[in-house]
Amino acid sequence: MNILHSKAYAKINLGLDVTGVLDKGYHLVKMI
């Protein structure tokens, strides 16, 4: 196989909460 077609799907967040921040600046999340 030398060629391939793909579909890259979008997402939504049915729920998005931020629960904290890490030292490196990343945020802790809890999401659906």
Full PDB file with SEQRES, HELIX, SHEET, SSBOND, CRYST1, ORIGX, SCALE, CONECT and MASTER records, all heavy atoms in Angstrom:
SEQRES   1 A   32  MET ASN ILE LEU HIS SER LYS ALA TYR ALA LYS ILE ASN          
SEQRES   2 A   32  LEU GLY LEU ASP VAL THR GLY VAL LEU ASP LYS GLY TYR          
SEQRES   3 A   32  HIS LEU VAL LYS MET ILE                                      
SHEET    1 AA1 2 LEU A  16  VAL A  21  0                                        
SHEET    2 AA1 2 HIS A  27  MET A  31 -1                                        
CRYST1    1.000    1.000    1.000  90.00  90.00  90.00 P 1           1          
ORIGX1      1.000000  0.000000  0.000000        0.00000                         
ORIGX2      0.000000  1.000000  0.000000        0.00000                         
ORIGX3      0.000000  0.000000  1.000000        0.00000                         
SCALE1      1.000000  0.000000  0.000000        0.00000                         
SCALE2      0.000000  1.000000  0.000000        0.00000                         
SCALE3      0.000000  0.000000  1.000000        0.00000                         
ATOM      1  N   MET A   1       0.845  -1.189   0.000  1.00  0.00           N  
ATOM      2  CA  MET A   1       0.000   0.000   0.000  1.00  0.00           C  
ATOM      3  C   MET A   1       0.886   1.247   0.000  1.00  0.00           C  
ATOM      4  O   MET A   1       1.709   1.435   0.901  1.00  0.00           O  
ATOM      5  CB  MET A   1      -0.905  -0.008   1.243  1.00  0.00           C  
ATOM      6  CG  MET A   1      -1.839   1.194   1.315  1.00  0.00           C  
ATOM      7  SD  MET A   1      -2.792   1.254   2.860  1.00  0.00           S  
ATOM      8  CE  MET A   1      -3.856  -0.166   2.662  1.00  0.00           C  
ATOM      9  N   ASN A   2       0.709   2.104  -1.014  1.00  0.00           N  
ATOM     10  CA  ASN A   2       1.506   3.323  -1.122  1.00  0.00           C  
ATOM     11  C   ASN A   2       0.697   4.596  -0.918  1.00  0.00           C  
ATOM     12  O   ASN A   2       1.266   5.675  -0.749  1.00  0.00           O  
ATOM     13  CB  ASN A   2       2.200   3.397  -2.482  1.00  0.00           C  
ATOM     14  CG  ASN A   2       3.296   2.351  -2.610  1.00  0.00           C  
ATOM     15  OD1 ASN A   2       4.032   2.099  -1.670  1.00  0.00           O  
ATOM     16  ND2 ASN A   2       3.370   1.720  -3.778  1.00  0.00           N  
ATOM     17  N   ILE A   3      -0.638   4.487  -0.999  1.00  0.00           N  
ATOM     18  CA  ILE A   3      -1.490   5.654  -0.806  1.00  0.00           C  
ATOM     19  C   ILE A   3      -2.585   5.316   0.198  1.00  0.00           C  
ATOM     20  O   ILE A   3      -2.940   4.151   0.386  1.00  0.00           O  
ATOM     21  CB  ILE A   3      -2.108   6.148  -2.133  1.00  0.00           C  
ATOM     22  CG1 ILE A   3      -2.981   5.050  -2.762  1.00  0.00           C  
ATOM     23  CG2 ILE A   3      -1.033   6.616  -3.098  1.00  0.00           C  
ATOM     24  CD1 ILE A   3      -3.768   5.537  -3.973  1.00  0.00           C  
ATOM     25  N   LEU A   4      -3.104   6.354   0.836  1.00  0.00           N  
ATOM     26  CA  LEU A   4      -4.135   6.152   1.864  1.00  0.00           C  
ATOM     27  C   LEU A   4      -4.965   7.422   1.966  1.00  0.00           C  
ATOM     28  O   LEU A   4      -4.424   8.536   1.886  1.00  0.00           O  
ATOM     29  CB  LEU A   4      -3.487   5.836   3.210  1.00  0.00           C  
ATOM     30  CG  LEU A   4      -4.421   5.537   4.389  1.00  0.00           C  
ATOM     31  CD1 LEU A   4      -5.115   4.191   4.182  1.00  0.00           C  
ATOM     32  CD2 LEU A   4      -3.628   5.514   5.698  1.00  0.00           C  
ATOM     33  N   HIS A   5      -6.266   7.254   2.136  1.00  0.00           N  
ATOM     34  CA  HIS A   5      -7.163   8.386   2.387  1.00  0.00           C  
ATOM     35  C   HIS A   5      -7.709   8.281   3.805  1.00  0.00           C  
ATOM     36  O   HIS A   5      -8.030   7.188   4.269  1.00  0.00           O  
ATOM     37  CB  HIS A   5      -8.330   8.397   1.399  1.00  0.00           C  
ATOM     38  CG  HIS A   5      -9.337   9.471   1.691  1.00  0.00           C  
ATOM     39  ND1 HIS A   5      -9.132  10.790   1.365  1.00  0.00           N  
ATOM     40  CD2 HIS A   5     -10.542   9.421   2.318  1.00  0.00           C  
ATOM     41  CE1 HIS A   5     -10.170  11.510   1.762  1.00  0.00           C  
ATOM     42  NE2 HIS A   5     -11.040  10.701   2.336  1.00  0.00           N  
ATOM     43  N   SER A   6      -7.802   9.415   4.488  1.00  0.00           N  
ATOM     44  CA  SER A   6      -8.272   9.403   5.875  1.00  0.00           C  
ATOM     45  C   SER A   6      -9.207  10.576   6.133  1.00  0.00           C  
ATOM     46  O   SER A   6      -9.128  11.611   5.453  1.00  0.00           O  
ATOM     47  CB  SER A   6      -7.073   9.480   6.826  1.00  0.00           C  
ATOM     48  OG  SER A   6      -7.493   9.444   8.170  1.00  0.00           O  
ATOM     49  N   LYS A   7     -10.086  10.399   7.096  1.00  0.00           N  
ATOM     50  CA  LYS A   7     -10.949  11.477   7.572  1.00  0.00           C  
ATOM     51  C   LYS A   7     -10.534  11.824   9.003  1.00  0.00           C  
ATOM     52  O   LYS A   7     -10.421  10.938   9.844  1.00  0.00           O  
ATOM     53  CB  LYS A   7     -12.421  11.063   7.543  1.00  0.00           C  
ATOM     54  CG  LYS A   7     -12.980  10.843   6.148  1.00  0.00           C  
ATOM     55  CD  LYS A   7     -14.435  10.407   6.216  1.00  0.00           C  
ATOM     56  CE  LYS A   7     -15.004  10.216   4.803  1.00  0.00           C  
ATOM     57  NZ  LYS A   7     -16.435   9.774   4.843  1.00  0.00           N  
ATOM     58  N   ALA A   8     -10.328  13.110   9.249  1.00  0.00           N  
ATOM     59  CA  ALA A   8      -9.939  13.580  10.578  1.00  0.00           C  
ATOM     60  C   ALA A   8     -11.117  14.355  11.161  1.00  0.00           C  
ATOM     61  O   ALA A   8     -11.462  15.440  10.683  1.00  0.00           O  
ATOM     62  CB  ALA A   8      -8.701  14.467  10.490  1.00  0.00           C  
ATOM     63  N   TYR A   9     -11.755  13.790  12.191  1.00  0.00           N  
ATOM     64  CA  TYR A   9     -13.015  14.322  12.707  1.00  0.00           C  
ATOM     65  C   TYR A   9     -12.815  15.385  13.787  1.00  0.00           C  
ATOM     66  O   TYR A   9     -11.872  15.328  14.584  1.00  0.00           O  
ATOM     67  CB  TYR A   9     -13.856  13.183  13.290  1.00  0.00           C  
ATOM     68  CG  TYR A   9     -14.420  12.273  12.236  1.00  0.00           C  
ATOM     69  CD1 TYR A   9     -13.736  11.118  11.835  1.00  0.00           C  
ATOM     70  CD2 TYR A   9     -15.636  12.557  11.614  1.00  0.00           C  
ATOM     71  CE1 TYR A   9     -14.245  10.279  10.857  1.00  0.00           C  
ATOM     72  CE2 TYR A   9     -16.154  11.717  10.636  1.00  0.00           C  
ATOM     73  CZ  TYR A   9     -15.461  10.586  10.260  1.00  0.00           C  
ATOM     74  OH  TYR A   9     -15.964   9.758   9.289  1.00  0.00           O  
ATOM     75  N   ALA A  10     -13.755  16.333  13.829  1.00  0.00           N  
ATOM     76  CA  ALA A  10     -13.767  17.371  14.857  1.00  0.00           C  
ATOM     77  C   ALA A  10     -14.321  16.809  16.165  1.00  0.00           C  
ATOM     78  O   ALA A  10     -14.972  15.765  16.197  1.00  0.00           O  
ATOM     79  CB  ALA A  10     -14.620  18.551  14.402  1.00  0.00           C  
ATOM     80  N   LYS A  11     -14.056  17.553  17.250  1.00  0.00           N  
ATOM     81  CA  LYS A  11     -14.609  17.181  18.552  1.00  0.00           C  
ATOM     82  C   LYS A  11     -15.268  18.396  19.189  1.00  0.00           C  
ATOM     83  O   LYS A  11     -14.984  19.554  18.843  1.00  0.00           O  
ATOM     84  CB  LYS A  11     -13.524  16.632  19.481  1.00  0.00           C  
ATOM     85  CG  LYS A  11     -12.430  17.643  19.888  1.00  0.00           C  
ATOM     86  CD  LYS A  11     -12.828  18.568  21.039  1.00  0.00           C  
ATOM     87  CE  LYS A  11     -11.788  19.656  21.280  1.00  0.00           C  
ATOM     88  NZ  LYS A  11     -12.232  20.709  22.207  1.00  0.00           N  
ATOM     89  N   ILE A  12     -16.170  18.119  20.125  1.00  0.00           N  
ATOM     90  CA  ILE A  12     -16.719  19.153  20.996  1.00  0.00           C  
ATOM     91  C   ILE A  12     -16.529  18.707  22.443  1.00  0.00           C  
ATOM     92  O   ILE A  12     -16.261  17.535  22.712  1.00  0.00           O  
ATOM     93  CB  ILE A  12     -18.211  19.439  20.725  1.00  0.00           C  
ATOM     94  CG1 ILE A  12     -19.042  18.142  20.862  1.00  0.00           C  
ATOM     95  CG2 ILE A  12     -18.400  20.080  19.357  1.00  0.00           C  
ATOM     96  CD1 ILE A  12     -20.542  18.368  20.782  1.00  0.00           C  
ATOM     97  N   ASN A  13     -16.653  19.664  23.354  1.00  0.00           N  
ATOM     98  CA  ASN A  13     -16.599  19.369  24.787  1.00  0.00           C  
ATOM     99  C   ASN A  13     -18.002  19.494  25.356  1.00  0.00           C  
ATOM    100  O   ASN A  13     -18.525  20.609  25.481  1.00  0.00           O  
ATOM    101  CB  ASN A  13     -15.678  20.343  25.513  1.00  0.00           C  
ATOM    102  CG  ASN A  13     -14.269  20.342  24.953  1.00  0.00           C  
ATOM    103  OD1 ASN A  13     -13.965  21.124  24.060  1.00  0.00           O  
ATOM    104  ND2 ASN A  13     -13.431  19.485  25.470  1.00  0.00           N  
ATOM    105  N   LEU A  14     -18.618  18.380  25.696  1.00  0.00           N  
ATOM    106  CA  LEU A  14     -19.944  18.429  26.330  1.00  0.00           C  
ATOM    107  C   LEU A  14     -19.839  19.010  27.735  1.00  0.00           C  
ATOM    108  O   LEU A  14     -20.792  19.594  28.244  1.00  0.00           O  
ATOM    109  CB  LEU A  14     -20.560  17.028  26.374  1.00  0.00           C  
ATOM    110  CG  LEU A  14     -20.860  16.414  25.009  1.00  0.00           C  
ATOM    111  CD1 LEU A  14     -21.269  14.956  25.169  1.00  0.00           C  
ATOM    112  CD2 LEU A  14     -21.949  17.201  24.287  1.00  0.00           C  
ATOM    113  N   GLY A  15     -18.706  18.841  28.341  1.00  0.00           N  
ATOM    114  CA  GLY A  15     -18.421  19.452  29.635  1.00  0.00           C  
ATOM    115  C   GLY A  15     -16.939  19.711  29.736  1.00  0.00           C  
ATOM    116  O   GLY A  15     -16.134  18.879  29.304  1.00  0.00           O  
ATOM    117  N   LEU A  16     -16.558  20.888  30.253  1.00  0.00           N  
ATOM    118  CA  LEU A  16     -15.145  21.206  30.390  1.00  0.00           C  
ATOM    119  C   LEU A  16     -14.929  21.922  31.715  1.00  0.00           C  
ATOM    120  O   LEU A  16     -15.449  23.010  31.941  1.00  0.00           O  
ATOM    121  CB  LEU A  16     -14.669  22.094  29.225  1.00  0.00           C  
ATOM    122  CG  LEU A  16     -13.152  22.268  29.028  1.00  0.00           C  
ATOM    123  CD1 LEU A  16     -12.854  22.817  27.633  1.00  0.00           C  
ATOM    124  CD2 LEU A  16     -12.509  23.168  30.080  1.00  0.00           C  
ATOM    125  N   ASP A  17     -14.180  21.269  32.590  1.00  0.00           N  
ATOM    126  CA  ASP A  17     -13.831  21.873  33.875  1.00  0.00           C  
ATOM    127  C   ASP A  17     -12.312  21.923  34.005  1.00  0.00           C  
ATOM    128  O   ASP A  17     -11.599  21.055  33.481  1.00  0.00           O  
ATOM    129  CB  ASP A  17     -14.422  21.053  35.031  1.00  0.00           C  
ATOM    130  CG  ASP A  17     -14.382  21.806  36.355  1.00  0.00           C  
ATOM    131  OD1 ASP A  17     -14.160  23.035  36.340  1.00  0.00           O  
ATOM    132  OD2 ASP A  17     -14.576  21.163  37.401  1.00  0.00           O  
ATOM    133  N   VAL A  18     -11.821  22.948  34.659  1.00  0.00           N  
ATOM    134  CA  VAL A  18     -10.407  23.071  34.979  1.00  0.00           C  
ATOM    135  C   VAL A  18     -10.284  22.949  36.490  1.00  0.00           C  
ATOM    136  O   VAL A  18     -10.926  23.695  37.233  1.00  0.00           O  
ATOM    137  CB  VAL A  18      -9.830  24.417  34.493  1.00  0.00           C  
ATOM    138  CG1 VAL A  18      -8.364  24.551  34.895  1.00  0.00           C  
ATOM    139  CG2 VAL A  18      -9.963  24.534  32.974  1.00  0.00           C  
ATOM    140  N   THR A  19      -9.467  21.998  36.930  1.00  0.00           N  
ATOM    141  CA  THR A  19      -9.407  21.690  38.352  1.00  0.00           C  
ATOM    142  C   THR A  19      -8.134  22.154  39.040  1.00  0.00           C  
ATOM    143  O   THR A  19      -8.042  22.095  40.265  1.00  0.00           O  
ATOM    144  CB  THR A  19      -9.564  20.167  38.567  1.00  0.00           C  
ATOM    145  OG1 THR A  19      -8.503  19.487  37.868  1.00  0.00           O  
ATOM    146  CG2 THR A  19     -10.902  19.682  38.028  1.00  0.00           C  
ATOM    147  N   GLY A  20      -7.152  22.610  38.280  1.00  0.00           N  
ATOM    148  CA  GLY A  20      -5.914  23.064  38.899  1.00  0.00           C  
ATOM    149  C   GLY A  20      -4.869  23.405  37.858  1.00  0.00           C  
ATOM    150  O   GLY A  20      -5.098  23.267  36.648  1.00  0.00           O  
ATOM    151  N   VAL A  21      -3.728  23.877  38.345  1.00  0.00           N  
ATOM    152  CA  VAL A  21      -2.629  24.268  37.462  1.00  0.00           C  
ATOM    153  C   VAL A  21      -1.351  23.583  37.932  1.00  0.00           C  
ATOM    154  O   VAL A  21      -1.038  23.582  39.133  1.00  0.00           O  
ATOM    155  CB  VAL A  21      -2.417  25.800  37.453  1.00  0.00           C  
ATOM    156  CG1 VAL A  21      -1.332  26.180  36.453  1.00  0.00           C  
ATOM    157  CG2 VAL A  21      -3.718  26.522  37.137  1.00  0.00           C  
ATOM    158  N   LEU A  22      -0.605  22.987  37.003  1.00  0.00           N  
ATOM    159  CA  LEU A  22       0.668  22.353  37.313  1.00  0.00           C  
ATOM    160  C   LEU A  22       1.795  23.386  37.291  1.00  0.00           C  
ATOM    161  O   LEU A  22       1.643  24.481  36.742  1.00  0.00           O  
ATOM    162  CB  LEU A  22       0.957  21.233  36.315  1.00  0.00           C  
ATOM    163  CG  LEU A  22      -0.036  20.063  36.289  1.00  0.00           C  
ATOM    164  CD1 LEU A  22       0.316  19.108  35.171  1.00  0.00           C  
ATOM    165  CD2 LEU A  22      -0.062  19.337  37.627  1.00  0.00           C  
ATOM    166  N   ASP A  23       2.931  23.017  37.863  1.00  0.00           N  
ATOM    167  CA  ASP A  23       4.075  23.930  37.940  1.00  0.00           C  
ATOM    168  C   ASP A  23       4.528  24.413  36.570  1.00  0.00           C  
ATOM    169  O   ASP A  23       4.951  25.556  36.406  1.00  0.00           O  
ATOM    170  CB  ASP A  23       5.259  23.250  38.649  1.00  0.00           C  
ATOM    171  CG  ASP A  23       4.981  23.014  40.127  1.00  0.00           C  
ATOM    172  OD1 ASP A  23       4.099  23.711  40.660  1.00  0.00           O  
ATOM    173  OD2 ASP A  23       5.635  22.149  40.731  1.00  0.00           O  
ATOM    174  N   LYS A  24       4.441  23.552  35.557  1.00  0.00           N  
ATOM    175  CA  LYS A  24       4.917  23.909  34.224  1.00  0.00           C  
ATOM    176  C   LYS A  24       3.923  24.767  33.444  1.00  0.00           C  
ATOM    177  O   LYS A  24       4.163  25.113  32.296  1.00  0.00           O  
ATOM    178  CB  LYS A  24       5.230  22.636  33.427  1.00  0.00           C  
ATOM    179  CG  LYS A  24       6.393  21.814  33.992  1.00  0.00           C  
ATOM    180  CD  LYS A  24       6.665  20.601  33.137  1.00  0.00           C  
ATOM    181  CE  LYS A  24       7.836  19.779  33.674  1.00  0.00           C  
ATOM    182  NZ  LYS A  24       8.101  18.579  32.844  1.00  0.00           N  
ATOM    183  N   GLY A  25       2.815  25.117  34.084  1.00  0.00           N  
ATOM    184  CA  GLY A  25       1.825  25.954  33.422  1.00  0.00           C  
ATOM    185  C   GLY A  25       0.690  25.187  32.784  1.00  0.00           C  
ATOM    186  O   GLY A  25      -0.292  25.778  32.339  1.00  0.00           O  
ATOM    187  N   TYR A  26       0.805  23.853  32.705  1.00  0.00           N  
ATOM    188  CA  TYR A  26      -0.292  23.053  32.194  1.00  0.00           C  
ATOM    189  C   TYR A  26      -1.471  23.107  33.163  1.00  0.00           C  
ATOM    190  O   TYR A  26      -1.291  23.160  34.380  1.00  0.00           O  
ATOM    191  CB  TYR A  26       0.134  21.592  32.009  1.00  0.00           C  
ATOM    192  CG  TYR A  26       1.042  21.346  30.833  1.00  0.00           C  
ATOM    193  CD1 TYR A  26       2.401  21.132  31.004  1.00  0.00           C  
ATOM    194  CD2 TYR A  26       0.530  21.313  29.540  1.00  0.00           C  
ATOM    195  CE1 TYR A  26       3.241  20.893  29.923  1.00  0.00           C  
ATOM    196  CE2 TYR A  26       1.351  21.069  28.452  1.00  0.00           C  
ATOM    197  CZ  TYR A  26       2.702  20.862  28.651  1.00  0.00           C  
ATOM    198  OH  TYR A  26       3.520  20.638  27.576  1.00  0.00           O  
ATOM    199  N   HIS A  27      -2.669  23.065  32.601  1.00  0.00           N  
ATOM    200  CA  HIS A  27      -3.871  23.056  33.431  1.00  0.00           C  
ATOM    201  C   HIS A  27      -4.425  21.637  33.537  1.00  0.00           C  
ATOM    202  O   HIS A  27      -4.466  20.898  32.545  1.00  0.00           O  
ATOM    203  CB  HIS A  27      -4.937  23.980  32.839  1.00  0.00           C  
ATOM    204  CG  HIS A  27      -4.621  25.435  33.018  1.00  0.00           C  
ATOM    205  ND1 HIS A  27      -3.643  26.080  32.302  1.00  0.00           N  
ATOM    206  CD2 HIS A  27      -5.152  26.349  33.872  1.00  0.00           C  
ATOM    207  CE1 HIS A  27      -3.600  27.345  32.682  1.00  0.00           C  
ATOM    208  NE2 HIS A  27      -4.491  27.535  33.623  1.00  0.00           N  
ATOM    209  N   LEU A  28      -4.847  21.286  34.733  1.00  0.00           N  
ATOM    210  CA  LEU A  28      -5.518  20.002  34.948  1.00  0.00           C  
ATOM    211  C   LEU A  28      -6.980  20.164  34.568  1.00  0.00           C  
ATOM    212  O   LEU A  28      -7.636  21.129  34.988  1.00  0.00           O  
ATOM    213  CB  LEU A  28      -5.392  19.573  36.406  1.00  0.00           C  
ATOM    214  CG  LEU A  28      -3.975  19.246  36.883  1.00  0.00           C  
ATOM    215  CD1 LEU A  28      -3.956  19.041  38.394  1.00  0.00           C  
ATOM    216  CD2 LEU A  28      -3.449  17.996  36.182  1.00  0.00           C  
ATOM    217  N   VAL A  29      -7.486  19.238  33.777  1.00  0.00           N  
ATOM    218  CA  VAL A  29      -8.844  19.360  33.267  1.00  0.00           C  
ATOM    219  C   VAL A  29      -9.649  18.098  33.570  1.00  0.00           C  
ATOM    220  O   VAL A  29      -9.097  17.029  33.854  1.00  0.00           O  
ATOM    221  CB  VAL A  29      -8.851  19.620  31.742  1.00  0.00           C  
ATOM    222  CG1 VAL A  29      -8.206  20.951  31.415  1.00  0.00           C  
ATOM    223  CG2 VAL A  29      -8.157  18.484  30.990  1.00  0.00           C  
ATOM    224  N   LYS A  30     -10.942  18.256  33.488  1.00  0.00           N  
ATOM    225  CA  LYS A  30     -11.874  17.135  33.559  1.00  0.00           C  
ATOM    226  C   LYS A  30     -12.956  17.444  32.538  1.00  0.00           C  
ATOM    227  O   LYS A  30     -13.703  18.416  32.692  1.00  0.00           O  
ATOM    228  CB  LYS A  30     -12.452  16.980  34.966  1.00  0.00           C  
ATOM    229  CG  LYS A  30     -13.220  15.684  35.182  1.00  0.00           C  
ATOM    230  CD  LYS A  30     -13.573  15.491  36.653  1.00  0.00           C  
ATOM    231  CE  LYS A  30     -14.252  14.149  36.881  1.00  0.00           C  
ATOM    232  NZ  LYS A  30     -14.597  13.946  38.311  1.00  0.00           N  
ATOM    233  N   MET A  31     -13.015  16.638  31.474  1.00  0.00           N  
ATOM    234  CA  MET A  31     -13.854  16.974  30.321  1.00  0.00           C  
ATOM    235  C   MET A  31     -14.592  15.742  29.803  1.00  0.00           C  
ATOM    236  O   MET A  31     -14.108  14.626  29.935  1.00  0.00           O  
ATOM    237  CB  MET A  31     -13.000  17.527  29.173  1.00  0.00           C  
ATOM    238  CG  MET A  31     -12.052  18.647  29.546  1.00  0.00           C  
ATOM    239  SD  MET A  31     -11.115  19.284  28.120  1.00  0.00           S  
ATOM    240  CE  MET A  31     -10.002  17.899  27.786  1.00  0.00           C  
ATOM    241  N   ILE A  32     -15.745  15.992  29.210  1.00  0.00           N  
ATOM    242  CA  ILE A  32     -16.421  14.971  28.413  1.00  0.00           C  
ATOM    243  C   ILE A  32     -16.256  15.365  26.951  1.00  0.00           C  
ATOM    244  O   ILE A  32     -16.703  16.433  26.519  1.00  0.00           O  
ATOM    245  CB  ILE A  32     -17.920  14.855  28.755  1.00  0.00           C  
ATOM    246  CG1 ILE A  32     -18.129  14.554  30.238  1.00  0.00           C  
ATOM    247  CG2 ILE A  32     -18.570  13.782  27.872  1.00  0.00           C  
ATOM    248  CD1 ILE A  32     -17.690  13.177  30.671  1.00  0.00           C  
TER     249      ILE A  32                                                      
MASTER        0    0    0    0    2    0    0    6  248    1    0    3          
END                                                                             
